[in-house]
Amino acid sequence: MNFDKKFAVTITGTVCLLTTMMAPVSAAIFNFSYSGTSVLDPNDIVIAKGTLTTSPYDSATNSYEIIDITGTRNGNPIESLLSPGSFLDNDNFLLANSPALDEFGFAYTAGGVSYNLFYTYDYIEIGEQGYYTGYPLSSFSITPVPESSLMLGIVSITVLVTINKINSRFAHFKNSIIPIRALLINALLLLL
């Protein structure tokens, strides 16, 4: 293996290791969805989905704090995240382990109505305060959206493998391919 290949492999390995092993230093994003049926009316069904934006992971509490929400609830756009403590003691924490929510959960507004989503033996959504509109949820899902640094690592590996394939197929053009490889490696380093 010549010096250029060793250098490229070393740089790529280091970048991939650092980007996949480091803790998130910016906001994390999660997709969520849930559905359920009202305890009072079996024809009253809730379906909600969207995106939660959180603060960076807090190892002391093993959680993320939800700082923004977008999406829909029964076709109505979700308007805003309610501040902690404004609806049934909501704390807006997203737990790193299962269950994903605690007994206080997070609260938001959609269609001019406030909702609180939480976990006590099961995931539950409660509607506007003062009205009993409980929805035990039949499905609940929260999945992290991959970080761009992980995607950058994958793209870096793909580019270097492609360069290696080009080098092996066109070895007689070696003098013209080395500058291309150097340009691509420099471009990747600038992205970091």
Protein backbone atom coordinates (compact mmCIF):
# COMPACT_ATOMS: atom_id res chain seq x y z
CA MET A 1 0.00 0.00 0.00
CA ASN A 2 1.51 3.32 -1.03
CA PHE A 3 1.67 6.45 1.11
CA ASP A 4 -1.42 8.11 -0.45
CA LYS A 5 -3.62 5.10 0.28
CA LYS A 6 -2.31 4.77 3.83
CA PHE A 7 -2.91 8.46 4.43
CA ALA A 8 -6.45 8.30 3.01
CA VAL A 9 -7.32 5.22 5.06
CA THR A 10 -5.91 6.81 8.23
CA ILE A 11 -7.83 10.06 7.72
CA THR A 12 -11.07 8.27 6.87
CA GLY A 13 -10.78 5.89 9.80
CA THR A 14 -10.10 8.74 12.21
CA VAL A 15 -13.01 10.83 10.91
CA CYS A 16 -15.43 7.89 11.04
CA LEU A 17 -14.33 6.93 14.53
CA LEU A 18 -14.63 10.46 15.87
CA THR A 19 -18.00 11.18 14.27
CA THR A 20 -19.63 7.95 15.40
CA MET A 21 -18.17 7.89 18.91
CA MET A 22 -18.75 11.49 19.95
CA ALA A 23 -21.79 12.57 21.93
CA PRO A 24 -24.21 14.88 20.17
CA VAL A 25 -23.26 18.51 20.70
CA SER A 26 -26.24 19.96 18.92
CA ALA A 27 -29.95 19.43 18.99
CA ALA A 28 -31.18 15.90 18.33
CA ILE A 29 -34.20 15.25 16.14
CA PHE A 30 -36.75 12.45 16.60
CA ASN A 31 -39.72 11.39 14.50
CA PHE A 32 -42.81 10.42 16.48
CA SER A 33 -46.18 8.88 15.71
CA TYR A 34 -49.03 7.54 17.77
CA SER A 35 -52.66 6.52 17.54
CA GLY A 36 -55.40 5.54 19.94
CA THR A 37 -59.12 5.41 20.61
CA SER A 38 -61.09 7.47 23.12
CA VAL A 39 -62.20 5.66 26.27
CA LEU A 40 -65.63 7.31 25.92
CA ASP A 41 -66.33 6.91 22.21
CA PRO A 42 -64.87 4.04 20.14
CA ASN A 43 -65.42 6.14 16.98
CA ASP A 44 -63.21 8.95 18.33
CA ILE A 45 -59.72 8.08 17.09
CA VAL A 46 -56.52 10.10 17.43
CA ILE A 47 -53.66 9.92 14.93
CA ALA A 48 -50.63 12.16 15.39
CA LYS A 49 -47.19 12.29 13.80
CA GLY A 50 -44.36 14.73 13.51
CA THR A 51 -40.88 15.71 14.63
CA LEU A 52 -39.47 16.53 18.05
CA THR A 53 -36.38 18.73 18.32
CA THR A 54 -34.48 18.30 21.58
CA SER A 55 -31.57 19.77 23.44
CA PRO A 56 -28.39 17.67 23.51
CA TYR A 57 -28.46 14.45 25.52
CA ASP A 58 -28.07 15.00 29.28
CA SER A 59 -26.26 12.04 30.84
CA ALA A 60 -27.17 13.20 34.37
CA THR A 61 -30.89 12.70 33.69
CA ASN A 62 -30.50 10.14 30.87
CA SER A 63 -32.85 12.26 28.79
CA TYR A 64 -33.30 14.95 26.19
CA GLU A 65 -35.40 18.06 26.75
CA ILE A 66 -37.93 18.63 23.98
CA ILE A 67 -37.56 22.22 22.76
CA ASP A 68 -39.73 22.22 19.62
CA ILE A 69 -42.42 20.18 17.90
CA THR A 70 -43.90 20.10 14.40
CA GLY A 71 -46.44 17.78 12.84
CA THR A 72 -50.15 17.05 12.74
CA ARG A 73 -52.83 15.66 15.04
CA ASN A 74 -55.91 14.35 13.22
CA GLY A 75 -54.99 16.52 10.24
CA ASN A 76 -54.62 19.72 12.28
CA PRO A 77 -51.15 21.25 12.34
CA ILE A 78 -49.38 21.14 15.69
CA GLU A 79 -49.02 24.80 16.61
CA SER A 80 -46.63 24.89 19.54
CA LEU A 81 -44.92 23.04 22.35
CA LEU A 82 -46.24 24.09 25.76
CA SER A 83 -43.65 25.16 28.32
CA PRO A 84 -42.86 22.73 31.18
CA GLY A 85 -45.44 22.73 33.97
CA SER A 86 -48.16 24.40 31.91
CA PHE A 87 -50.34 21.30 31.36
CA LEU A 88 -50.66 18.65 34.09
CA ASP A 89 -47.04 19.14 35.22
CA ASN A 90 -45.59 18.27 31.81
CA ASP A 91 -41.78 18.30 31.91
CA ASN A 92 -41.07 17.90 28.16
CA PHE A 93 -38.43 15.20 28.73
CA LEU A 94 -37.74 12.47 26.21
CA LEU A 95 -36.08 9.55 27.99
CA ALA A 96 -33.16 7.71 26.40
CA ASN A 97 -34.53 4.31 27.47
CA SER A 98 -37.94 2.67 27.27
CA PRO A 99 -40.44 4.00 28.11
CA ALA A 100 -39.59 7.12 26.12
CA LEU A 101 -41.77 9.35 28.30
CA ASP A 102 -42.24 9.71 32.04
CA GLU A 103 -45.49 10.25 33.96
CA PHE A 104 -45.45 13.97 33.09
CA GLY A 105 -44.63 13.75 29.38
CA PHE A 106 -44.80 16.62 26.95
CA ALA A 107 -47.63 18.95 25.98
CA TYR A 108 -48.52 20.79 22.81
CA THR A 109 -51.38 22.60 21.06
CA ALA A 110 -53.10 21.61 17.82
CA GLY A 111 -56.28 23.14 16.43
CA GLY A 112 -56.40 25.54 19.38
CA VAL A 113 -56.60 22.69 21.92
CA SER A 114 -53.89 21.58 24.38
CA TYR A 115 -52.79 17.94 24.67
CA ASN A 116 -50.50 16.10 27.10
CA LEU A 117 -48.81 12.85 26.08
CA PHE A 118 -47.26 10.77 28.89
CA TYR A 119 -46.59 7.25 30.18
CA THR A 120 -48.12 5.55 33.22
CA TYR A 121 -48.18 1.78 32.63
CA ASP A 122 -49.12 2.67 29.05
CA TYR A 123 -48.83 5.65 26.72
CA ILE A 124 -51.79 8.00 27.11
CA GLU A 125 -52.91 11.29 25.57
CA ILE A 126 -55.13 13.62 27.59
CA GLY A 127 -56.95 16.50 25.88
CA GLU A 128 -57.99 19.97 26.98
CA GLN A 129 -57.91 20.49 30.74
CA GLY A 130 -61.34 20.31 32.31
CA TYR A 131 -62.64 17.78 29.77
CA TYR A 132 -62.16 14.04 30.03
CA THR A 133 -60.80 13.05 26.66
CA GLY A 134 -58.33 10.30 27.40
CA TYR A 135 -56.81 8.24 24.62
CA PRO A 136 -54.97 5.06 25.64
CA LEU A 137 -52.59 4.65 22.72
CA SER A 138 -52.62 1.47 20.67
CA SER A 139 -49.40 2.46 18.89
CA PHE A 140 -46.56 4.74 19.90
CA SER A 141 -43.21 5.24 18.17
CA ILE A 142 -40.25 7.59 18.59
CA THR A 143 -37.23 7.10 16.33
CA PRO A 144 -34.07 9.21 16.10
CA VAL A 145 -33.25 10.92 12.81
CA PRO A 146 -29.64 10.07 11.85
CA GLU A 147 -27.07 12.78 12.47
CA SER A 148 -25.43 14.43 9.50
CA SER A 149 -21.97 13.55 10.86
CA LEU A 150 -22.80 9.86 10.59
CA MET A 151 -23.97 10.41 7.03
CA LEU A 152 -20.74 12.29 6.29
CA GLY A 153 -18.75 9.28 7.52
CA ILE A 154 -20.70 6.96 5.26
CA VAL A 155 -20.23 9.28 2.27
CA SER A 156 -16.48 9.52 3.02
CA ILE A 157 -16.06 5.77 3.00
CA THR A 158 -18.08 5.47 -0.22
CA VAL A 159 -15.94 8.10 -1.97
CA LEU A 160 -12.69 6.47 -0.90
CA VAL A 161 -13.83 3.01 -2.00
CA THR A 162 -14.84 4.48 -5.37
CA ILE A 163 -11.44 6.15 -5.75
CA ASN A 164 -9.72 2.86 -4.95
CA LYS A 165 -11.80 1.08 -7.62
CA ILE A 166 -10.90 3.77 -10.18
CA ASN A 167 -7.22 3.41 -9.30
CA SER A 168 -7.27 -0.35 -9.70
CA ARG A 169 -9.06 -0.23 -13.08
CA PHE A 170 -7.01 2.57 -14.56
CA ALA A 171 -3.58 1.89 -13.10
CA HIS A 172 -1.88 2.98 -16.33
CA PHE A 173 -3.33 6.49 -15.77
CA LYS A 174 -1.90 6.60 -12.25
CA ASN A 175 -0.28 10.02 -12.63
CA SER A 176 -3.60 11.65 -13.54
CA ILE A 177 -5.70 9.87 -10.88
CA ILE A 178 -3.56 10.73 -7.85
CA PRO A 179 -4.35 14.47 -8.18
CA ILE A 180 -8.08 13.64 -8.40
CA ARG A 181 -7.84 11.54 -5.24
CA ALA A 182 -5.96 14.32 -3.45
CA LEU A 183 -8.62 16.84 -4.48
CA LEU A 184 -11.43 14.61 -3.21
CA ILE A 185 -9.68 13.99 0.12
CA ASN A 186 -9.09 17.72 0.56
CA ALA A 187 -12.76 18.41 -0.24
CA LEU A 188 -13.85 15.91 2.42
CA LEU A 189 -11.54 17.47 4.98
CA LEU A 190 -12.97 20.91 4.23
CA LEU A 191 -16.48 19.58 4.90
CA LEU A 192 -15.43 18.55 8.38
